[in-house]
Amino acid sequence: MKKLALLFLFGGILTGCSSYPSGALVFVTNERDGTISVIEAASNKLVDTIKIGARPRGIRISSDGERAFVALSTPMNRSPQPGDSRVAIIDTSSGEILRSIQVGNDPEQLAVGSGQKLLYVSNEDAGTATVTNIETGETAATLVTGIEPEGVTISPDDRWVYVMAETSSTVTVIDAQEGKVVTTFMVGTRPRDAAFSPDGKRAYITAEIGATLSVVDTADHSVLAEIPIGYNETIKPVGVLVSPEGDRIYIANGRGNSVSVLDAASFKLLTTIPVGQRVWGIGLTPNGEKLYAANGLSNDISVIDTELLKVVATIKAGDGPWGVAIRP
């Protein structure tokens, strides 16, 4: 009987240490309650809530899918404290917080190279981008950007890092190979986010107040076109993604409470899909079949079937869903 009891206890311990399901997992940062919601994409079920603390916003998954990098800053309605500004690294198989890296003041969004050697973080209050060695945690460079930088996106080939500055309406281009700023260019008023085409030849940049999408040639970082997105006064473009095939552009419309879908060749509007309130971050499954939209006021996640182009599920999240990243 004792042996049986010990075996039962040991089995219970193993069960308590179970890892997340295999397959695509959706990680959503909740900025007001300091948590991360973990959703199984296959079932659209919430499988975990990670208590990470601080104010989590930007989130990226490493190229191998094994780590999530989360930008943390001072919680809302609290005075800044030492150690608030950091990037947490999470094991995507279990939700374990592995360690934190101190970065510049008030990080909002970030980018990680495919080799997981360098971390690029925007520091809104300081008007800089911090480049940090992931292994050592040491600052490799602090680069001057536009005023109040927020969005940070790296090109598919790891060559260019685009940093969007909302107040100066500029994009700072960092040459990741050289580790320096190579140019700055103007876009629409209050740029928020950028997405690159799968081949890296184009970048698409949203402007929240300008209600436009800038189309950029990455060969020389020139703006080829400014596409109007403000089909009505509520549309405030923020998050942006490109489909795996490169044929569609998805735009989160902020307080417009919708996601717009554009044809990437003609830039014509295919449809606008109603979602929850104040949609910000969006994420696509690797096969491009599902899009997850974080709704910061209704505190839920809208799941869009990209073939049907409609919401097929709504998942309750934490308080203030903001960023979305998907583990393959």
C-alpha atoms as a PDB file:
ATOM      1  CA  MET A   1       0.000   0.000   0.000  1.00  0.00           C
ATOM      2  CA  LYS A   2       2.874   2.359   0.817  1.00  0.00           C
ATOM      3  CA  LYS A   3       4.455   1.720  -2.592  1.00  0.00           C
ATOM      4  CA  LEU A   4       1.121   2.361  -4.276  1.00  0.00           C
ATOM      5  CA  ALA A   5       0.684   5.615  -2.350  1.00  0.00           C
ATOM      6  CA  LEU A   6       4.189   6.767  -3.269  1.00  0.00           C
ATOM      7  CA  LEU A   7       3.572   5.968  -6.928  1.00  0.00           C
ATOM      8  CA  PHE A   8       0.295   7.914  -6.813  1.00  0.00           C
ATOM      9  CA  LEU A   9       2.009  10.886  -5.172  1.00  0.00           C
ATOM     10  CA  PHE A  10       4.860  10.847  -7.695  1.00  0.00           C
ATOM     11  CA  GLY A  11       2.382  10.641 -10.560  1.00  0.00           C
ATOM     12  CA  GLY A  12       0.522  13.631  -9.103  1.00  0.00           C
ATOM     13  CA  ILE A  13       3.742  15.618  -8.963  1.00  0.00           C
ATOM     14  CA  LEU A  14       4.476  14.873 -12.605  1.00  0.00           C
ATOM     15  CA  THR A  15       0.958  15.869 -13.588  1.00  0.00           C
ATOM     16  CA  GLY A  16       1.339  19.188 -11.733  1.00  0.00           C
ATOM     17  CA  CYS A  17       4.448  19.948 -13.791  1.00  0.00           C
ATOM     18  CA  SER A  18       2.692  19.433 -17.112  1.00  0.00           C
ATOM     19  CA  SER A  19       3.680  21.648 -20.021  1.00  0.00           C
ATOM     20  CA  TYR A  20       1.475  23.523 -22.452  1.00  0.00           C
ATOM     21  CA  PRO A  21      -0.215  21.695 -25.351  1.00  0.00           C
ATOM     22  CA  SER A  22       1.791  21.267 -28.541  1.00  0.00           C
ATOM     23  CA  GLY A  23       0.893  23.293 -31.597  1.00  0.00           C
ATOM     24  CA  ALA A  24       0.214  26.984 -31.967  1.00  0.00           C
ATOM     25  CA  LEU A  25      -0.203  28.976 -28.753  1.00  0.00           C
ATOM     26  CA  VAL A  26      -1.365  32.576 -28.535  1.00  0.00           C
ATOM     27  CA  PHE A  27       0.239  34.822 -25.906  1.00  0.00           C
ATOM     28  CA  VAL A  28      -1.639  38.047 -25.083  1.00  0.00           C
ATOM     29  CA  THR A  29      -0.283  40.732 -22.745  1.00  0.00           C
ATOM     30  CA  ASN A  30      -2.796  42.396 -20.402  1.00  0.00           C
ATOM     31  CA  GLU A  31      -1.382  45.803 -19.531  1.00  0.00           C
ATOM     32  CA  ARG A  32      -3.642  46.791 -16.623  1.00  0.00           C
ATOM     33  CA  ASP A  33      -3.472  43.658 -14.488  1.00  0.00           C
ATOM     34  CA  GLY A  34       0.101  42.565 -15.267  1.00  0.00           C
ATOM     35  CA  THR A  35      -0.745  39.186 -16.745  1.00  0.00           C
ATOM     36  CA  ILE A  36      -0.350  37.196 -19.961  1.00  0.00           C
ATOM     37  CA  SER A  37      -3.205  35.079 -21.295  1.00  0.00           C
ATOM     38  CA  VAL A  38      -2.156  31.837 -23.015  1.00  0.00           C
ATOM     39  CA  ILE A  39      -4.606  30.406 -25.561  1.00  0.00           C
ATOM     40  CA  GLU A  40      -4.475  27.125 -27.461  1.00  0.00           C
ATOM     41  CA  ALA A  41      -5.114  28.048 -31.098  1.00  0.00           C
ATOM     42  CA  ALA A  42      -6.554  24.671 -32.094  1.00  0.00           C
ATOM     43  CA  SER A  43      -9.384  24.868 -29.558  1.00  0.00           C
ATOM     44  CA  ASN A  44      -9.458  28.630 -28.868  1.00  0.00           C
ATOM     45  CA  LYS A  45      -9.375  27.792 -25.167  1.00  0.00           C
ATOM     46  CA  LEU A  46      -7.545  29.689 -22.425  1.00  0.00           C
ATOM     47  CA  VAL A  47      -4.951  27.300 -20.982  1.00  0.00           C
ATOM     48  CA  ASP A  48      -3.053  29.562 -18.571  1.00  0.00           C
ATOM     49  CA  THR A  49      -2.700  33.044 -17.118  1.00  0.00           C
ATOM     50  CA  ILE A  50       0.876  34.058 -16.330  1.00  0.00           C
ATOM     51  CA  LYS A  51       1.286  36.607 -13.556  1.00  0.00           C
ATOM     52  CA  ILE A  52       4.207  38.670 -14.768  1.00  0.00           C
ATOM     53  CA  GLY A  53       3.616  41.966 -12.944  1.00  0.00           C
ATOM     54  CA  ALA A  54       4.452  45.523 -14.027  1.00  0.00           C
ATOM     55  CA  ARG A  55       2.808  46.732 -17.264  1.00  0.00           C
ATOM     56  CA  PRO A  56       3.287  44.226 -20.098  1.00  0.00           C
ATOM     57  CA  ARG A  57       2.739  45.512 -23.624  1.00  0.00           C
ATOM     58  CA  GLY A  58       4.985  44.552 -26.540  1.00  0.00           C
ATOM     59  CA  ILE A  59       5.630  40.825 -26.974  1.00  0.00           C
ATOM     60  CA  ARG A  60       7.624  38.787 -29.513  1.00  0.00           C
ATOM     61  CA  ILE A  61       8.269  35.078 -29.964  1.00  0.00           C
ATOM     62  CA  SER A  62      11.777  33.886 -30.848  1.00  0.00           C
ATOM     63  CA  SER A  63      12.304  32.400 -34.303  1.00  0.00           C
ATOM     64  CA  ASP A  64      12.605  28.892 -32.830  1.00  0.00           C
ATOM     65  CA  GLY A  65       9.362  29.387 -30.890  1.00  0.00           C
ATOM     66  CA  GLU A  66      10.943  28.521 -27.552  1.00  0.00           C
ATOM     67  CA  ARG A  67      10.987  31.949 -25.884  1.00  0.00           C
ATOM     68  CA  ALA A  68       8.675  34.926 -25.526  1.00  0.00           C
ATOM     69  CA  PHE A  69      10.153  38.381 -24.932  1.00  0.00           C
ATOM     70  CA  VAL A  70       7.848  40.812 -23.096  1.00  0.00           C
ATOM     71  CA  ALA A  71       8.373  44.567 -22.641  1.00  0.00           C
ATOM     72  CA  LEU A  72       7.557  45.615 -19.070  1.00  0.00           C
ATOM     73  CA  SER A  73       7.225  49.135 -17.717  1.00  0.00           C
ATOM     74  CA  THR A  74       5.809  50.930 -14.674  1.00  0.00           C
ATOM     75  CA  PRO A  75       2.238  49.884 -13.853  1.00  0.00           C
ATOM     76  CA  MET A  76      -0.428  52.422 -14.671  1.00  0.00           C
ATOM     77  CA  ASN A  77      -1.239  54.962 -11.919  1.00  0.00           C
ATOM     78  CA  ARG A  78       1.995  54.273 -10.034  1.00  0.00           C
ATOM     79  CA  SER A  79       5.241  56.219  -9.736  1.00  0.00           C
ATOM     80  CA  PRO A  80       8.257  54.681 -11.509  1.00  0.00           C
ATOM     81  CA  GLN A  81      10.456  52.412  -9.415  1.00  0.00           C
ATOM     82  CA  PRO A  82      13.969  51.062 -10.082  1.00  0.00           C
ATOM     83  CA  GLY A  83      13.745  47.862 -12.104  1.00  0.00           C
ATOM     84  CA  ASP A  84      10.347  48.606 -13.645  1.00  0.00           C
ATOM     85  CA  SER A  85      11.770  48.974 -17.159  1.00  0.00           C
ATOM     86  CA  ARG A  86      12.839  45.535 -18.339  1.00  0.00           C
ATOM     87  CA  VAL A  87      12.189  42.733 -20.787  1.00  0.00           C
ATOM     88  CA  ALA A  88      11.080  39.396 -19.349  1.00  0.00           C
ATOM     89  CA  ILE A  89      11.963  36.133 -21.099  1.00  0.00           C
ATOM     90  CA  ILE A  90       9.378  33.344 -20.843  1.00  0.00           C
ATOM     91  CA  ASP A  91       9.600  29.649 -21.679  1.00  0.00           C
ATOM     92  CA  THR A  92       6.763  29.158 -24.184  1.00  0.00           C
ATOM     93  CA  SER A  93       6.427  25.462 -23.342  1.00  0.00           C
ATOM     94  CA  SER A  94       5.540  26.052 -19.691  1.00  0.00           C
ATOM     95  CA  GLY A  95       5.015  29.752 -18.989  1.00  0.00           C
ATOM     96  CA  GLU A  96       8.021  29.847 -16.669  1.00  0.00           C
ATOM     97  CA  ILE A  97       9.626  33.277 -16.351  1.00  0.00           C
ATOM     98  CA  LEU A  98      13.273  32.497 -17.028  1.00  0.00           C
ATOM     99  CA  ARG A  99      14.865  35.890 -16.357  1.00  0.00           C
ATOM    100  CA  SER A 100      14.614  39.631 -16.972  1.00  0.00           C
ATOM    101  CA  ILE A 101      16.893  42.044 -18.818  1.00  0.00           C
ATOM    102  CA  GLN A 102      17.114  45.678 -17.759  1.00  0.00           C
ATOM    103  CA  VAL A 103      16.595  48.035 -20.703  1.00  0.00           C
ATOM    104  CA  GLY A 104      16.075  51.748 -21.257  1.00  0.00           C
ATOM    105  CA  ASN A 105      13.278  53.736 -19.651  1.00  0.00           C
ATOM    106  CA  ASP A 106       9.622  52.895 -20.389  1.00  0.00           C
ATOM    107  CA  PRO A 107       9.892  50.173 -23.049  1.00  0.00           C
ATOM    108  CA  GLU A 108       6.729  49.710 -25.077  1.00  0.00           C
ATOM    109  CA  GLN A 109       7.560  47.535 -28.068  1.00  0.00           C
ATOM    110  CA  LEU A 110      10.528  45.427 -29.093  1.00  0.00           C
ATOM    111  CA  ALA A 111      12.094  43.292 -31.796  1.00  0.00           C
ATOM    112  CA  VAL A 112      14.366  40.251 -31.604  1.00  0.00           C
ATOM    113  CA  GLY A 113      16.752  39.077 -34.304  1.00  0.00           C
ATOM    114  CA  SER A 114      16.357  35.501 -35.539  1.00  0.00           C
ATOM    115  CA  GLY A 115      19.691  34.551 -33.973  1.00  0.00           C
ATOM    116  CA  GLN A 116      18.416  35.718 -30.557  1.00  0.00           C
ATOM    117  CA  LYS A 117      21.609  37.676 -29.968  1.00  0.00           C
ATOM    118  CA  LEU A 118      20.286  41.231 -29.884  1.00  0.00           C
ATOM    119  CA  LEU A 119      17.157  42.833 -28.502  1.00  0.00           C
ATOM    120  CA  TYR A 120      15.837  46.162 -29.852  1.00  0.00           C
ATOM    121  CA  VAL A 121      13.574  48.168 -27.527  1.00  0.00           C
ATOM    122  CA  SER A 122      11.914  51.579 -27.899  1.00  0.00           C
ATOM    123  CA  ASN A 123      12.215  53.938 -24.926  1.00  0.00           C
ATOM    124  CA  GLU A 124       9.304  56.321 -25.263  1.00  0.00           C
ATOM    125  CA  ASP A 125      10.241  58.867 -22.590  1.00  0.00           C
ATOM    126  CA  ALA A 126      13.916  59.010 -23.563  1.00  0.00           C
ATOM    127  CA  GLY A 127      13.493  59.237 -27.343  1.00  0.00           C
ATOM    128  CA  THR A 128      15.916  56.366 -27.890  1.00  0.00           C
ATOM    129  CA  ALA A 129      16.151  52.736 -28.935  1.00  0.00           C
ATOM    130  CA  THR A 130      18.208  50.423 -26.757  1.00  0.00           C
ATOM    131  CA  VAL A 131      20.138  47.557 -28.330  1.00  0.00           C
ATOM    132  CA  THR A 132      20.869  44.862 -25.744  1.00  0.00           C
ATOM    133  CA  ASN A 133      22.913  41.670 -25.810  1.00  0.00           C
ATOM    134  CA  ILE A 134      20.408  38.967 -24.822  1.00  0.00           C
ATOM    135  CA  GLU A 135      22.985  36.548 -23.428  1.00  0.00           C
ATOM    136  CA  THR A 136      24.865  39.020 -21.222  1.00  0.00           C
ATOM    137  CA  GLY A 137      22.133  41.607 -20.629  1.00  0.00           C
ATOM    138  CA  GLU A 138      24.611  44.360 -21.460  1.00  0.00           C
ATOM    139  CA  THR A 139      23.655  47.413 -23.512  1.00  0.00           C
ATOM    140  CA  ALA A 140      25.318  47.260 -26.920  1.00  0.00           C
ATOM    141  CA  ALA A 141      24.095  50.684 -28.059  1.00  0.00           C
ATOM    142  CA  THR A 142      21.665  53.472 -27.254  1.00  0.00           C
ATOM    143  CA  LEU A 143      20.499  55.134 -30.464  1.00  0.00           C
ATOM    144  CA  VAL A 144      18.626  58.428 -30.841  1.00  0.00           C
ATOM    145  CA  THR A 145      15.241  58.121 -32.556  1.00  0.00           C
ATOM    146  CA  GLY A 146      12.329  60.454 -33.171  1.00  0.00           C
ATOM    147  CA  ILE A 147      10.168  61.889 -30.390  1.00  0.00           C
ATOM    148  CA  GLU A 148       8.297  59.295 -28.289  1.00  0.00           C
ATOM    149  CA  PRO A 149       9.226  56.100 -30.139  1.00  0.00           C
ATOM    150  CA  GLU A 150       6.887  53.155 -29.734  1.00  0.00           C
ATOM    151  CA  GLY A 151       6.663  50.556 -32.519  1.00  0.00           C
ATOM    152  CA  VAL A 152       9.728  48.410 -33.285  1.00  0.00           C
ATOM    153  CA  THR A 153       9.875  45.857 -36.112  1.00  0.00           C
ATOM    154  CA  ILE A 154      12.787  43.940 -37.669  1.00  0.00           C
ATOM    155  CA  SER A 155      12.878  42.853 -41.313  1.00  0.00           C
ATOM    156  CA  PRO A 156      12.689  39.138 -42.216  1.00  0.00           C
ATOM    157  CA  ASP A 157      16.377  39.063 -43.159  1.00  0.00           C
ATOM    158  CA  ASP A 158      17.393  40.748 -39.862  1.00  0.00           C
ATOM    159  CA  ARG A 159      18.927  43.667 -41.757  1.00  0.00           C
ATOM    160  CA  TRP A 160      16.669  46.616 -40.881  1.00  0.00           C
ATOM    161  CA  VAL A 161      14.993  47.682 -37.663  1.00  0.00           C
ATOM    162  CA  TYR A 162      12.213  50.265 -38.067  1.00  0.00           C
ATOM    163  CA  VAL A 163      11.377  52.404 -35.015  1.00  0.00           C
ATOM    164  CA  MET A 164       8.179  54.461 -35.218  1.00  0.00           C
ATOM    165  CA  ALA A 165       8.056  57.761 -33.262  1.00  0.00           C
ATOM    166  CA  GLU A 166       4.524  58.987 -32.636  1.00  0.00           C
ATOM    167  CA  THR A 167       5.135  62.676 -31.860  1.00  0.00           C
ATOM    168  CA  SER A 168       7.621  63.458 -34.656  1.00  0.00           C
ATOM    169  CA  SER A 169       5.754  61.212 -37.146  1.00  0.00           C
ATOM    170  CA  THR A 170       9.038  59.673 -38.222  1.00  0.00           C
ATOM    171  CA  VAL A 171      10.551  56.244 -38.744  1.00  0.00           C
ATOM    172  CA  THR A 172      14.150  55.704 -37.662  1.00  0.00           C
ATOM    173  CA  VAL A 173      15.988  53.007 -39.642  1.00  0.00           C
ATOM    174  CA  ILE A 174      18.671  51.025 -37.821  1.00  0.00           C
ATOM    175  CA  ASP A 175      21.151  48.963 -39.804  1.00  0.00           C
ATOM    176  CA  ALA A 176      21.296  45.841 -37.635  1.00  0.00           C
ATOM    177  CA  GLN A 177      24.567  44.708 -39.213  1.00  0.00           C
ATOM    178  CA  GLU A 178      26.317  47.998 -38.512  1.00  0.00           C
ATOM    179  CA  GLY A 179      24.486  48.761 -35.267  1.00  0.00           C
ATOM    180  CA  LYS A 180      23.745  52.361 -36.200  1.00  0.00           C
ATOM    181  CA  VAL A 181      21.006  54.664 -37.482  1.00  0.00           C
ATOM    182  CA  VAL A 182      21.245  55.090 -41.268  1.00  0.00           C
ATOM    183  CA  THR A 183      18.251  57.284 -42.054  1.00  0.00           C
ATOM    184  CA  THR A 184      14.990  58.765 -40.832  1.00  0.00           C
ATOM    185  CA  PHE A 185      11.878  59.416 -42.929  1.00  0.00           C
ATOM    186  CA  MET A 186       8.453  60.982 -42.451  1.00  0.00           C
ATOM    187  CA  VAL A 187       5.150  59.099 -42.535  1.00  0.00           C
ATOM    188  CA  GLY A 188       1.557  59.845 -41.508  1.00  0.00           C
ATOM    189  CA  THR A 189       0.692  61.545 -38.235  1.00  0.00           C
ATOM    190  CA  ARG A 190       1.365  59.393 -35.165  1.00  0.00           C
ATOM    191  CA  PRO A 191       2.864  56.202 -36.614  1.00  0.00           C
ATOM    192  CA  ARG A 192       2.262  53.172 -34.449  1.00  0.00           C
ATOM    193  CA  ASP A 193       3.468  49.931 -35.997  1.00  0.00           C
ATOM    194  CA  ALA A 194       5.136  48.375 -39.038  1.00  0.00           C
ATOM    195  CA  ALA A 195       4.982  45.041 -40.841  1.00  0.00           C
ATOM    196  CA  PHE A 196       7.294  43.761 -43.569  1.00  0.00           C
ATOM    197  CA  SER A 197       6.264  41.704 -46.574  1.00  0.00           C
ATOM    198  CA  PRO A 198       7.531  38.100 -46.401  1.00  0.00           C
ATOM    199  CA  ASP A 199      10.292  38.883 -48.930  1.00  0.00           C
ATOM    200  CA  GLY A 200      11.293  42.003 -46.999  1.00  0.00           C
ATOM    201  CA  LYS A 201      10.995  44.292 -50.029  1.00  0.00           C
ATOM    202  CA  ARG A 202       8.112  46.335 -48.631  1.00  0.00           C
ATOM    203  CA  ALA A 203       7.192  47.724 -45.241  1.00  0.00           C
ATOM    204  CA  TYR A 204       3.728  48.885 -44.231  1.00  0.00           C
ATOM    205  CA  ILE A 205       3.428  51.523 -41.501  1.00  0.00           C
ATOM    206  CA  THR A 206       0.198  52.579 -39.779  1.00  0.00           C
ATOM    207  CA  ALA A 207      -0.513  56.166 -38.731  1.00  0.00           C
ATOM    208  CA  GLU A 208      -3.136  56.427 -36.004  1.00  0.00           C
ATOM    209  CA  ILE A 209      -4.087  60.120 -36.304  1.00  0.00           C
ATOM    210  CA  GLY A 210      -3.266  60.415 -39.999  1.00  0.00           C
ATOM    211  CA  ALA A 211      -5.421  57.325 -40.641  1.00  0.00           C
ATOM    212  CA  THR A 212      -3.056  56.155 -43.366  1.00  0.00           C
ATOM    213  CA  LEU A 213      -0.886  53.212 -44.317  1.00  0.00           C
ATOM    214  CA  SER A 214       2.570  54.130 -45.659  1.00  0.00           C
ATOM    215  CA  VAL A 215       3.997  51.730 -48.239  1.00  0.00           C
ATOM    216  CA  VAL A 216       7.802  51.755 -48.082  1.00  0.00           C
ATOM    217  CA  ASP A 217      10.452  50.437 -50.459  1.00  0.00           C
ATOM    218  CA  THR A 218      13.050  48.937 -48.113  1.00  0.00           C
ATOM    219  CA  ALA A 219      15.807  49.123 -50.736  1.00  0.00           C
ATOM    220  CA  ASP A 220      16.155  52.857 -50.109  1.00  0.00           C
ATOM    221  CA  HIS A 221      13.535  53.411 -47.351  1.00  0.00           C
ATOM    222  CA  SER A 222      11.420  55.664 -49.570  1.00  0.00           C
ATOM    223  CA  VAL A 223       7.666  56.055 -49.153  1.00  0.00           C
ATOM    224  CA  LEU A 224       5.986  54.803 -52.328  1.00  0.00           C
ATOM    225  CA  ALA A 225       2.410  55.579 -51.361  1.00  0.00           C
ATOM    226  CA  GLU A 226       0.163  56.814 -48.552  1.00  0.00           C
ATOM    227  CA  ILE A 227      -3.029  54.764 -48.506  1.00  0.00           C
ATOM    228  CA  PRO A 228      -6.037  56.363 -46.736  1.00  0.00           C
ATOM    229  CA  ILE A 229      -7.452  53.987 -44.121  1.00  0.00           C
ATOM    230  CA  GLY A 230      -9.891  56.326 -42.353  1.00  0.00           C
ATOM    231  CA  TYR A 231     -13.111  55.137 -43.980  1.00  0.00           C
ATOM    232  CA  ASN A 232     -14.898  56.879 -41.107  1.00  0.00           C
ATOM    233  CA  GLU A 233     -13.813  59.100 -38.208  1.00  0.00           C
ATOM    234  CA  THR A 234     -13.585  56.205 -35.730  1.00  0.00           C
ATOM    235  CA  ILE A 235     -10.838  54.364 -37.655  1.00  0.00           C
ATOM    236  CA  LYS A 236      -7.472  54.764 -35.872  1.00  0.00           C
ATOM    237  CA  PRO A 237      -4.926  52.355 -37.438  1.00  0.00           C
ATOM    238  CA  VAL A 238      -2.509  50.793 -34.949  1.00  0.00           C
ATOM    239  CA  GLY A 239      -1.359  47.162 -35.225  1.00  0.00           C
ATOM    240  CA  VAL A 240      -0.533  45.786 -38.682  1.00  0.00           C
ATOM    241  CA  LEU A 241       0.364  42.356 -40.103  1.00  0.00           C
ATOM    242  CA  VAL A 242       0.973  40.787 -43.509  1.00  0.00           C
ATOM    243  CA  SER A 243      -0.319  37.334 -44.415  1.00  0.00           C
ATOM    244  CA  PRO A 244       2.256  34.521 -44.847  1.00  0.00           C
ATOM    245  CA  GLU A 245       1.658  34.602 -48.620  1.00  0.00           C
ATOM    246  CA  GLY A 246       2.103  38.374 -48.701  1.00  0.00           C
ATOM    247  CA  ASP A 247      -1.220  38.939 -50.449  1.00  0.00           C
ATOM    248  CA  ARG A 248      -3.141  40.575 -47.615  1.00  0.00           C
ATOM    249  CA  ILE A 249      -2.543  43.332 -45.073  1.00  0.00           C
ATOM    250  CA  TYR A 250      -4.439  43.247 -41.772  1.00  0.00           C
ATOM    251  CA  ILE A 251      -4.857  46.473 -39.784  1.00  0.00           C
ATOM    252  CA  ALA A 252      -6.190  46.862 -36.242  1.00  0.00           C
ATOM    253  CA  ASN A 253      -8.330  49.997 -36.176  1.00  0.00           C
ATOM    254  CA  GLY A 254      -8.003  50.913 -32.487  1.00  0.00           C
ATOM    255  CA  ARG A 255     -11.097  52.724 -31.244  1.00  0.00           C
ATOM    256  CA  GLY A 256     -12.731  51.894 -34.566  1.00  0.00           C
ATOM    257  CA  ASN A 257     -13.353  48.461 -32.988  1.00  0.00           C
ATOM    258  CA  SER A 258     -12.591  46.643 -36.208  1.00  0.00           C
ATOM    259  CA  VAL A 259      -9.896  44.994 -38.334  1.00  0.00           C
ATOM    260  CA  SER A 260      -9.484  46.101 -41.956  1.00  0.00           C
ATOM    261  CA  VAL A 261      -8.257  43.704 -44.641  1.00  0.00           C
ATOM    262  CA  LEU A 262      -6.465  45.130 -47.687  1.00  0.00           C
ATOM    263  CA  ASP A 263      -5.308  43.521 -50.920  1.00  0.00           C
ATOM    264  CA  ALA A 264      -1.497  43.895 -50.862  1.00  0.00           C
ATOM    265  CA  ALA A 265      -1.256  44.324 -54.637  1.00  0.00           C
ATOM    266  CA  SER A 266      -3.954  46.924 -55.247  1.00  0.00           C
ATOM    267  CA  PHE A 267      -4.338  48.232 -51.650  1.00  0.00           C
ATOM    268  CA  LYS A 268      -8.078  48.051 -52.103  1.00  0.00           C
ATOM    269  CA  LEU A 269     -10.176  47.394 -49.025  1.00  0.00           C
ATOM    270  CA  LEU A 270     -11.473  43.827 -49.065  1.00  0.00           C
ATOM    271  CA  THR A 271     -13.538  44.105 -45.900  1.00  0.00           C
ATOM    272  CA  THR A 272     -13.699  45.585 -42.412  1.00  0.00           C
ATOM    273  CA  ILE A 273     -14.479  43.102 -39.654  1.00  0.00           C
ATOM    274  CA  PRO A 274     -16.135  44.265 -36.391  1.00  0.00           C
ATOM    275  CA  VAL A 275     -14.309  43.048 -33.261  1.00  0.00           C
ATOM    276  CA  GLY A 276     -14.225  44.041 -29.583  1.00  0.00           C
ATOM    277  CA  GLN A 277     -13.602  47.481 -28.132  1.00  0.00           C
ATOM    278  CA  ARG A 278     -10.287  49.303 -28.773  1.00  0.00           C
ATOM    279  CA  VAL A 279      -8.435  46.629 -30.706  1.00  0.00           C
ATOM    280  CA  TRP A 280      -4.661  47.053 -30.555  1.00  0.00           C
ATOM    281  CA  GLY A 281      -2.353  44.081 -31.081  1.00  0.00           C
ATOM    282  CA  ILE A 282      -3.090  41.405 -33.676  1.00  0.00           C
ATOM    283  CA  GLY A 283      -1.452  38.064 -34.417  1.00  0.00           C
ATOM    284  CA  LEU A 284      -1.672  35.441 -37.171  1.00  0.00           C
ATOM    285  CA  THR A 285      -1.231  31.710 -36.828  1.00  0.00           C
ATOM    286  CA  PRO A 286       1.709  30.404 -38.922  1.00  0.00           C
ATOM    287  CA  ASN A 287      -0.645  28.998 -41.566  1.00  0.00           C
ATOM    288  CA  GLY A 288      -2.462  32.338 -41.742  1.00  0.00           C
ATOM    289  CA  GLU A 289      -5.863  30.740 -41.098  1.00  0.00           C
ATOM    290  CA  LYS A 290      -6.679  32.532 -37.846  1.00  0.00           C
ATOM    291  CA  LEU A 291      -6.137  36.096 -36.713  1.00  0.00           C
ATOM    292  CA  TYR A 292      -6.303  37.012 -33.018  1.00  0.00           C
ATOM    293  CA  ALA A 293      -7.191  40.602 -32.059  1.00  0.00           C
ATOM    294  CA  ALA A 294      -6.585  41.998 -28.550  1.00  0.00           C
ATOM    295  CA  ASN A 295      -9.431  44.270 -27.465  1.00  0.00           C
ATOM    296  CA  GLY A 296      -8.212  46.571 -24.691  1.00  0.00           C
ATOM    297  CA  LEU A 297     -11.545  47.917 -23.420  1.00  0.00           C
ATOM    298  CA  SER A 298     -13.828  44.906 -23.768  1.00  0.00           C
ATOM    299  CA  ASN A 299     -11.077  42.720 -22.228  1.00  0.00           C
ATOM    300  CA  ASP A 300     -11.356  39.918 -24.732  1.00  0.00           C
ATOM    301  CA  ILE A 301      -9.762  38.385 -27.821  1.00  0.00           C
ATOM    302  CA  SER A 302     -11.606  38.207 -31.133  1.00  0.00           C
ATOM    303  CA  VAL A 303     -10.727  35.191 -33.293  1.00  0.00           C
ATOM    304  CA  ILE A 304     -11.098  35.834 -37.022  1.00  0.00           C
ATOM    305  CA  ASP A 305     -11.320  33.065 -39.599  1.00  0.00           C
ATOM    306  CA  THR A 306      -9.289  34.567 -42.470  1.00  0.00           C
ATOM    307  CA  GLU A 307     -11.090  32.511 -45.114  1.00  0.00           C
ATOM    308  CA  LEU A 308     -14.567  33.442 -43.918  1.00  0.00           C
ATOM    309  CA  LEU A 309     -13.351  36.927 -42.906  1.00  0.00           C
ATOM    310  CA  LYS A 310     -15.488  37.007 -39.794  1.00  0.00           C
ATOM    311  CA  VAL A 311     -15.190  36.526 -36.034  1.00  0.00           C
ATOM    312  CA  VAL A 312     -15.750  32.887 -35.114  1.00  0.00           C
ATOM    313  CA  ALA A 313     -14.947  33.033 -31.389  1.00  0.00           C
ATOM    314  CA  THR A 314     -14.453  35.495 -28.542  1.00  0.00           C
ATOM    315  CA  ILE A 315     -12.155  34.591 -25.651  1.00  0.00           C
ATOM    316  CA  LYS A 316     -12.108  36.320 -22.271  1.00  0.00           C
ATOM    317  CA  ALA A 317      -8.690  37.784 -21.431  1.00  0.00           C
ATOM    318  CA  GLY A 318      -7.209  39.734 -18.514  1.00  0.00           C
ATOM    319  CA  ASP A 319      -7.578  43.445 -17.859  1.00  0.00           C
ATOM    320  CA  GLY A 320      -6.373  45.519 -20.819  1.00  0.00           C
ATOM    321  CA  PRO A 321      -5.331  43.106 -23.616  1.00  0.00           C
ATOM    322  CA  TRP A 322      -2.614  44.835 -25.655  1.00  0.00           C
ATOM    323  CA  GLY A 323      -0.009  42.727 -27.477  1.00  0.00           C
ATOM    324  CA  VAL A 324      -0.340  39.411 -29.327  1.00  0.00           C
ATOM    325  CA  ALA A 325       2.376  36.920 -30.273  1.00  0.00           C
ATOM    326  CA  ILE A 326       1.906  33.353 -31.495  1.00  0.00           C
ATOM    327  CA  ARG A 327       4.160  30.378 -30.871  1.00  0.00           C
ATOM    328  CA  PRO A 328       4.247  28.116 -33.943  1.00  0.00           C
END
